[in-house]
Amino acid sequence: MAHKKAFITGITGQDGSYLAELLLSKGYEVHGLIRRSSTFNTSRIDHIYVDPHVRGAQLFLHYGDLSDNEMISNVIYNICPDEIYHLGAQSHVRVSFDTPEYTGNVTGIGTTRLLECIRYQCATGIRFYQASSSEMFGSAPPPQSETTPFQPRSPYACAKLYAFWMTRNYREGYQLFASNGILFNHESPRRGETFVTRKITRAIARILGGKDRYLYLGNLDARRDWGYAPEYVECMWKILQQDTPGDFVIGTGETHSVKEFLEAAFAYTGLNVEEHVRIDHRYFRPTEVEVLIADPSRAETVLQWKPRIRFPELVKIMVDADLRIAGINPPGEGDEILARIYPDRWWKSD
């Protein structure tokens, strides 16, 4: 029996690396799009990568860029995937205010380039997943569901909203199996170092290791619905296994402020927030999203999915991981949580 083939854009990111690992555990042949660089940028997938010359290799990487239509088209044509998971983007909200045109080109129009490739290659059997974002809801009153009107508040959110509607239009206009996963914030030890949760946990390790004294942050009052990334990539896969395409909100249904995350992480390691944290207004957004809370009722019913890792547990998992990376013995509660809830987890490294 032939393996299913999956193509992942953004495979070297947090979500892409977990998704690749999940699909490999399910027997998929996995292909990923990576950008050329003078240095290696594959650290999140090094533990699952096997040289393609080795017999039995199931993970293959292809050079490309979401701004290059011809390159993307050639890659898809040569792979002939059964499923495409489009996770690649300029994904940092604050950075999108500094690079709005680039963000629109890659995060927004990049989606159209992929959809056009599917349509023109007559590959109607391909199933397409678009990584949409809770940032699209912006200032819409919480909780936010699939029927909540969007009110984006950043160039990133606007680009994601464009991609969301293009995905729906190609689904309805060309009968493509194209679905949107509207994922609320999801974190892990693989989160990028400039994202606020990882910035906090990494700073704790550096402070305890004597490398830094202060952590500089922006708006501490922003409230987000934070979940655990490995659980969210399982939803991505579930969305493309449905009989019909559709759109799904994925989240925990709880909201916590940046300040709450900060205080919980510092308290876990015995550090004092007032002693080590400073506010830098350069990190504030020109337009802020105050509160995001998911209403994941549809995902719970249709996908039969519920989060198992909650906010307090997430904080401890991330702090333990960053302390270990820094060579510092962690308190270990996060490790115990993972061992208890996921004794046979499919992801092997953080």
Protein backbone atom coordinates (compact mmCIF):
# COMPACT_ATOMS: atom_id res chain seq x y z
CA MET A 1 0.00 0.00 0.00
CA ALA A 2 1.41 3.40 -1.02
CA HIS A 3 2.15 5.94 1.67
CA LYS A 4 0.13 9.11 1.79
CA LYS A 5 2.19 12.13 0.79
CA ALA A 6 2.03 15.42 2.65
CA PHE A 7 3.62 18.75 1.74
CA ILE A 8 4.26 21.22 4.57
CA THR A 9 5.22 24.86 4.15
CA GLY A 10 6.87 26.26 7.25
CA ILE A 11 8.19 22.82 8.20
CA THR A 12 11.10 24.27 10.18
CA GLY A 13 8.81 26.29 12.47
CA GLN A 14 7.17 25.22 15.71
CA ASP A 15 3.98 23.87 14.14
CA GLY A 16 5.63 22.50 11.02
CA SER A 17 8.16 20.47 12.98
CA TYR A 18 5.50 18.94 15.24
CA LEU A 19 3.22 18.26 12.29
CA ALA A 20 6.02 16.55 10.35
CA GLU A 21 6.70 14.34 13.36
CA LEU A 22 3.00 13.50 13.73
CA LEU A 23 2.60 12.59 10.06
CA LEU A 24 5.74 10.45 10.07
CA SER A 25 4.35 8.57 13.08
CA LYS A 26 1.24 7.86 10.98
CA GLY A 27 3.27 6.44 8.09
CA TYR A 28 3.18 9.45 5.76
CA GLU A 29 5.88 10.40 3.29
CA VAL A 30 6.52 14.01 4.31
CA HIS A 31 7.88 16.81 2.12
CA GLY A 32 8.75 20.24 3.44
CA LEU A 33 9.47 23.64 1.90
CA ILE A 34 12.53 25.46 3.24
CA ARG A 35 14.24 28.69 2.21
CA ARG A 36 17.86 28.71 1.10
CA SER A 37 20.21 30.08 3.72
CA SER A 38 23.96 30.28 4.23
CA THR A 39 23.45 28.61 7.62
CA PHE A 40 21.34 25.62 8.62
CA ASN A 41 17.88 26.53 9.94
CA THR A 42 16.51 23.05 10.49
CA SER A 43 17.23 22.57 14.20
CA ARG A 44 13.60 21.75 15.06
CA ILE A 45 13.54 18.78 12.67
CA ASP A 46 17.12 17.53 12.95
CA HIS A 47 16.01 14.69 15.22
CA ILE A 48 13.62 13.29 12.59
CA TYR A 49 15.66 13.99 9.46
CA VAL A 50 17.29 11.08 7.63
CA ASP A 51 19.57 11.55 4.65
CA PRO A 52 17.40 10.99 1.55
CA HIS A 53 20.03 8.60 0.18
CA VAL A 54 19.28 6.22 3.05
CA ARG A 55 16.85 3.47 2.16
CA GLY A 56 13.50 3.99 3.86
CA ALA A 57 13.81 7.77 4.30
CA GLN A 58 10.36 9.34 4.62
CA LEU A 59 11.19 13.04 5.11
CA PHE A 60 12.34 15.16 2.17
CA LEU A 61 13.13 18.88 2.05
CA HIS A 62 12.75 21.15 -0.98
CA TYR A 63 14.13 24.64 -1.47
CA GLY A 64 11.55 27.27 -2.29
CA ASP A 65 9.96 30.54 -1.31
CA LEU A 66 6.31 31.51 -0.92
CA SER A 67 6.97 34.64 -2.99
CA ASP A 68 8.09 32.55 -6.01
CA ASN A 69 5.12 31.08 -7.84
CA GLU A 70 7.14 29.07 -10.38
CA MET A 71 9.26 27.43 -7.72
CA ILE A 72 6.22 26.47 -5.64
CA SER A 73 4.42 25.12 -8.70
CA ASN A 74 7.39 22.94 -9.66
CA VAL A 75 7.71 21.51 -6.17
CA ILE A 76 4.02 20.60 -5.94
CA TYR A 77 4.05 19.13 -9.46
CA ASN A 78 7.04 16.91 -8.65
CA ILE A 79 5.71 15.74 -5.29
CA CYS A 80 2.04 15.19 -6.22
CA PRO A 81 0.96 15.34 -2.55
CA ASP A 82 -2.31 14.03 -1.15
CA GLU A 83 -2.38 16.79 1.49
CA ILE A 84 -0.90 20.28 1.70
CA TYR A 85 -0.50 21.97 5.07
CA HIS A 86 0.21 25.65 4.54
CA LEU A 87 1.88 26.90 7.72
CA GLY A 88 4.58 29.12 6.22
CA ALA A 89 4.27 32.87 6.84
CA GLN A 90 5.84 35.99 8.25
CA SER A 91 4.21 35.10 11.53
CA HIS A 92 5.31 37.75 14.02
CA VAL A 93 2.51 40.25 14.64
CA ARG A 94 4.68 43.10 15.94
CA VAL A 95 7.15 42.69 13.06
CA SER A 96 4.29 42.94 10.56
CA PHE A 97 3.88 46.63 11.44
CA ASP A 98 7.49 47.19 10.32
CA THR A 99 7.21 45.02 7.19
CA PRO A 100 3.57 45.28 6.06
CA GLU A 101 4.23 44.83 2.33
CA TYR A 102 6.41 41.77 2.82
CA THR A 103 3.89 40.32 5.27
CA GLY A 104 1.08 40.79 2.76
CA ASN A 105 3.09 39.21 -0.04
CA VAL A 106 4.19 36.11 1.87
CA THR A 107 1.46 35.58 4.45
CA GLY A 108 -1.44 36.64 2.25
CA ILE A 109 -0.64 36.20 -1.43
CA GLY A 110 1.53 33.15 -0.72
CA THR A 111 -1.70 31.28 0.00
CA THR A 112 -3.15 32.30 -3.36
CA ARG A 113 -0.06 31.00 -5.13
CA LEU A 114 -0.55 27.59 -3.56
CA LEU A 115 -4.27 27.50 -4.33
CA GLU A 116 -3.59 28.44 -7.94
CA CYS A 117 -1.05 25.64 -8.22
CA ILE A 118 -3.63 23.14 -7.02
CA ARG A 119 -6.30 24.50 -9.37
CA TYR A 120 -4.20 24.73 -12.54
CA GLN A 121 -2.54 21.38 -12.10
CA CYS A 122 -6.00 19.83 -12.04
CA ALA A 123 -5.04 18.15 -8.78
CA THR A 124 -8.56 18.33 -7.39
CA GLY A 125 -7.83 15.39 -5.10
CA ILE A 126 -5.35 17.41 -3.04
CA ARG A 127 -6.61 18.41 0.38
CA PHE A 128 -5.45 21.87 1.49
CA TYR A 129 -5.11 23.19 5.02
CA GLN A 130 -4.70 26.93 5.60
CA ALA A 131 -3.21 28.02 8.92
CA SER A 132 -5.50 30.88 9.85
CA SER A 133 -5.10 32.87 13.05
CA SER A 134 -7.14 34.13 15.98
CA GLU A 135 -5.52 37.53 15.32
CA MET A 136 -8.09 37.92 12.52
CA PHE A 137 -10.76 38.46 15.19
CA GLY A 138 -8.91 41.50 16.48
CA SER A 139 -11.26 43.73 18.46
CA ALA A 140 -14.32 41.48 18.03
CA PRO A 141 -16.00 40.80 21.40
CA PRO A 142 -15.06 37.43 22.94
CA PRO A 143 -15.61 34.54 22.92
CA GLN A 144 -14.84 34.14 19.22
CA SER A 145 -16.24 31.32 17.10
CA GLU A 146 -16.50 30.44 13.40
CA THR A 147 -19.40 32.91 13.04
CA THR A 148 -17.77 35.87 14.80
CA PRO A 149 -17.18 38.84 12.42
CA PHE A 150 -13.49 39.56 11.88
CA GLN A 151 -11.98 42.89 12.95
CA PRO A 152 -8.22 42.60 12.24
CA ARG A 153 -5.85 44.98 14.04
CA SER A 154 -2.45 44.39 12.38
CA PRO A 155 -0.91 43.88 8.93
CA TYR A 156 -0.36 40.25 9.91
CA ALA A 157 -4.05 39.80 10.76
CA CYS A 158 -5.12 41.50 7.52
CA ALA A 159 -2.85 39.21 5.49
CA LYS A 160 -4.18 36.15 7.29
CA LEU A 161 -7.75 37.31 6.70
CA TYR A 162 -7.07 37.67 2.97
CA ALA A 163 -5.69 34.12 2.95
CA PHE A 164 -8.71 32.86 4.90
CA TRP A 165 -11.19 34.28 2.39
CA MET A 166 -9.18 33.09 -0.60
CA THR A 167 -9.24 29.58 0.84
CA ARG A 168 -13.03 29.74 1.26
CA ASN A 169 -13.51 31.19 -2.23
CA TYR A 170 -11.42 28.48 -3.87
CA ARG A 171 -13.37 25.89 -1.91
CA GLU A 172 -16.72 27.27 -3.02
CA GLY A 173 -15.74 28.44 -6.51
CA TYR A 174 -13.54 25.56 -7.67
CA GLN A 175 -14.75 22.76 -5.37
CA LEU A 176 -11.31 22.30 -3.81
CA PHE A 177 -11.02 20.48 -0.51
CA ALA A 178 -9.69 23.58 1.25
CA SER A 179 -10.13 24.15 4.98
CA ASN A 180 -9.15 26.84 7.48
CA GLY A 181 -7.93 26.10 10.98
CA ILE A 182 -8.38 29.27 13.05
CA LEU A 183 -5.88 28.49 15.76
CA PHE A 184 -5.61 30.55 18.91
CA ASN A 185 -2.21 31.01 20.56
CA HIS A 186 -0.40 27.72 20.99
CA GLU A 187 3.00 27.44 22.61
CA SER A 188 5.73 24.92 23.32
CA PRO A 189 9.47 24.64 23.95
CA ARG A 190 9.85 24.91 20.16
CA ARG A 191 8.22 28.35 20.04
CA GLY A 192 10.37 31.05 18.42
CA GLU A 193 12.54 32.95 20.88
CA THR A 194 11.01 36.34 20.03
CA PHE A 195 7.43 35.29 20.86
CA VAL A 196 6.46 36.52 24.31
CA THR A 197 5.93 33.18 26.08
CA ARG A 198 9.26 31.77 24.94
CA LYS A 199 10.93 35.12 25.52
CA ILE A 200 9.84 34.88 29.16
CA THR A 201 10.88 31.26 29.76
CA ARG A 202 14.20 31.72 27.97
CA ALA A 203 14.91 34.89 29.97
CA ILE A 204 14.35 32.97 33.21
CA ALA A 205 17.04 30.51 32.21
CA ARG A 206 19.44 33.32 31.30
CA ILE A 207 18.78 35.17 34.57
CA LEU A 208 19.28 32.04 36.66
CA GLY A 209 22.40 31.26 34.65
CA GLY A 210 23.85 34.70 35.37
CA LYS A 211 23.83 35.80 31.72
CA ASP A 212 21.13 38.50 32.00
CA ARG A 213 19.68 40.61 34.78
CA TYR A 214 16.58 42.07 33.12
CA LEU A 215 13.78 40.96 30.84
CA TYR A 216 12.24 43.69 28.67
CA LEU A 217 8.59 43.32 27.67
CA GLY A 218 5.75 45.35 26.15
CA ASN A 219 2.03 45.19 26.94
CA LEU A 220 1.45 42.91 29.93
CA ASP A 221 -2.33 43.35 29.91
CA ALA A 222 -3.06 41.64 26.58
CA ARG A 223 -5.10 38.48 27.19
CA ARG A 224 -4.80 35.38 25.06
CA ASP A 225 -6.19 31.85 24.83
CA TRP A 226 -2.99 29.79 25.19
CA GLY A 227 -2.74 26.08 24.39
CA TYR A 228 -0.09 23.43 23.77
CA ALA A 229 1.21 23.21 20.18
CA PRO A 230 1.44 19.39 19.75
CA GLU A 231 -2.27 19.12 20.53
CA TYR A 232 -3.09 21.76 17.95
CA VAL A 233 -1.24 20.10 15.07
CA GLU A 234 -3.33 16.99 15.76
CA CYS A 235 -6.32 19.19 14.89
CA MET A 236 -4.71 20.19 11.60
CA TRP A 237 -4.52 16.54 10.61
CA LYS A 238 -8.06 15.83 11.82
CA ILE A 239 -9.42 18.74 9.75
CA LEU A 240 -8.11 17.20 6.52
CA GLN A 241 -9.50 13.76 7.40
CA GLN A 242 -13.11 14.98 7.39
CA ASP A 243 -15.55 13.96 4.66
CA THR A 244 -16.14 17.59 3.70
CA PRO A 245 -13.96 20.71 4.00
CA GLY A 246 -14.76 23.46 6.49
CA ASP A 247 -13.44 25.99 8.97
CA PHE A 248 -12.67 25.32 12.63
CA VAL A 249 -11.78 27.44 15.66
CA ILE A 250 -9.19 25.70 17.84
CA GLY A 251 -8.50 26.86 21.39
CA THR A 252 -8.94 26.11 25.09
CA GLY A 253 -11.83 28.45 25.90
CA GLU A 254 -9.75 30.14 28.63
CA THR A 255 -7.92 33.47 28.59
CA HIS A 256 -4.89 34.67 30.54
CA SER A 257 -2.85 37.85 30.39
CA VAL A 258 0.83 38.14 29.52
CA LYS A 259 1.28 39.28 33.11
CA GLU A 260 -0.28 36.04 34.39
CA PHE A 261 2.11 33.97 32.25
CA LEU A 262 5.04 36.07 33.47
CA GLU A 263 4.10 35.77 37.14
CA ALA A 264 3.41 32.03 36.92
CA ALA A 265 6.75 31.34 35.21
CA PHE A 266 8.75 33.49 37.64
CA ALA A 267 6.98 32.05 40.69
CA TYR A 268 7.72 28.51 39.46
CA THR A 269 11.46 29.24 39.64
CA GLY A 270 11.44 31.54 42.67
CA LEU A 271 12.33 34.72 40.78
CA ASN A 272 10.91 38.15 41.59
CA VAL A 273 9.11 39.90 38.73
CA GLU A 274 9.67 43.43 40.00
CA GLU A 275 13.39 42.82 40.38
CA HIS A 276 14.00 41.52 36.88
CA VAL A 277 11.26 42.80 34.50
CA ARG A 278 11.28 46.17 32.75
CA ILE A 279 8.74 47.66 30.31
CA ASP A 280 10.00 48.84 26.91
CA HIS A 281 7.40 50.74 24.87
CA ARG A 282 9.12 49.75 21.64
CA TYR A 283 7.45 46.37 22.05
CA PHE A 284 3.94 47.82 22.11
CA ARG A 285 1.85 47.47 18.94
CA PRO A 286 0.38 50.56 17.25
CA THR A 287 -3.02 48.83 17.47
CA GLU A 288 -3.49 46.22 20.15
CA VAL A 289 -5.77 43.20 20.43
CA GLU A 290 -6.95 43.21 24.03
CA VAL A 291 -8.76 39.89 24.54
CA LEU A 292 -8.95 36.63 22.59
CA ILE A 293 -10.97 33.66 23.85
CA ALA A 294 -11.87 30.72 21.64
CA ASP A 295 -15.25 29.05 21.45
CA PRO A 296 -14.05 25.62 20.23
CA SER A 297 -17.49 23.97 20.41
CA ARG A 298 -17.51 22.94 16.75
CA ALA A 299 -14.06 21.34 16.96
CA GLU A 300 -15.06 19.48 20.11
CA THR A 301 -18.16 18.10 18.39
CA VAL A 302 -16.97 17.45 14.83
CA LEU A 303 -13.28 16.67 15.39
CA GLN A 304 -13.82 15.00 18.77
CA TRP A 305 -10.97 17.09 20.17
CA LYS A 306 -10.33 18.69 23.55
CA PRO A 307 -7.10 20.17 24.93
CA ARG A 308 -5.43 18.16 27.69
CA ILE A 309 -2.65 20.58 28.64
CA ARG A 310 -3.94 23.71 30.36
CA PHE A 311 -2.34 27.06 31.12
CA PRO A 312 -0.57 26.29 34.44
CA GLU A 313 0.83 23.06 33.00
CA LEU A 314 1.97 24.77 29.79
CA VAL A 315 3.99 27.31 31.76
CA LYS A 316 5.84 24.61 33.70
CA ILE A 317 6.53 22.52 30.59
CA MET A 318 8.12 25.49 28.82
CA VAL A 319 10.17 26.65 31.81
CA ASP A 320 11.54 23.15 32.44
CA ALA A 321 12.59 22.84 28.79
CA ASP A 322 14.45 26.16 28.66
CA LEU A 323 16.23 25.49 31.95
CA ARG A 324 17.38 22.14 30.61
CA ILE A 325 18.66 23.76 27.40
CA ALA A 326 20.67 26.18 29.58
CA GLY A 327 22.19 23.32 31.55
CA ILE A 328 20.20 24.11 34.70
CA ASN A 329 18.30 21.40 36.57
CA PRO A 330 14.58 22.26 36.25
CA PRO A 331 12.01 21.88 39.04
CA GLY A 332 10.68 18.99 36.96
CA GLU A 333 6.93 19.44 37.38
CA GLY A 334 6.52 20.10 33.66
CA ASP A 335 8.34 16.87 32.81
CA GLU A 336 6.12 14.97 35.24
CA ILE A 337 3.00 16.48 33.65
CA LEU A 338 4.04 15.31 30.17
CA ALA A 339 4.95 11.84 31.43
CA ARG A 340 1.56 11.51 33.11
CA ILE A 341 -0.68 12.93 30.36
CA TYR A 342 1.32 11.71 27.35
CA PRO A 343 3.22 8.57 28.39
CA ASP A 344 3.39 7.38 24.77
CA ARG A 345 3.69 10.72 23.00
CA TRP A 346 4.47 10.74 19.29
CA TRP A 347 6.87 13.71 19.50
CA LYS A 348 10.28 12.76 20.87
CA SER A 349 12.22 15.95 21.35
CA ASP A 350 11.72 19.54 22.43
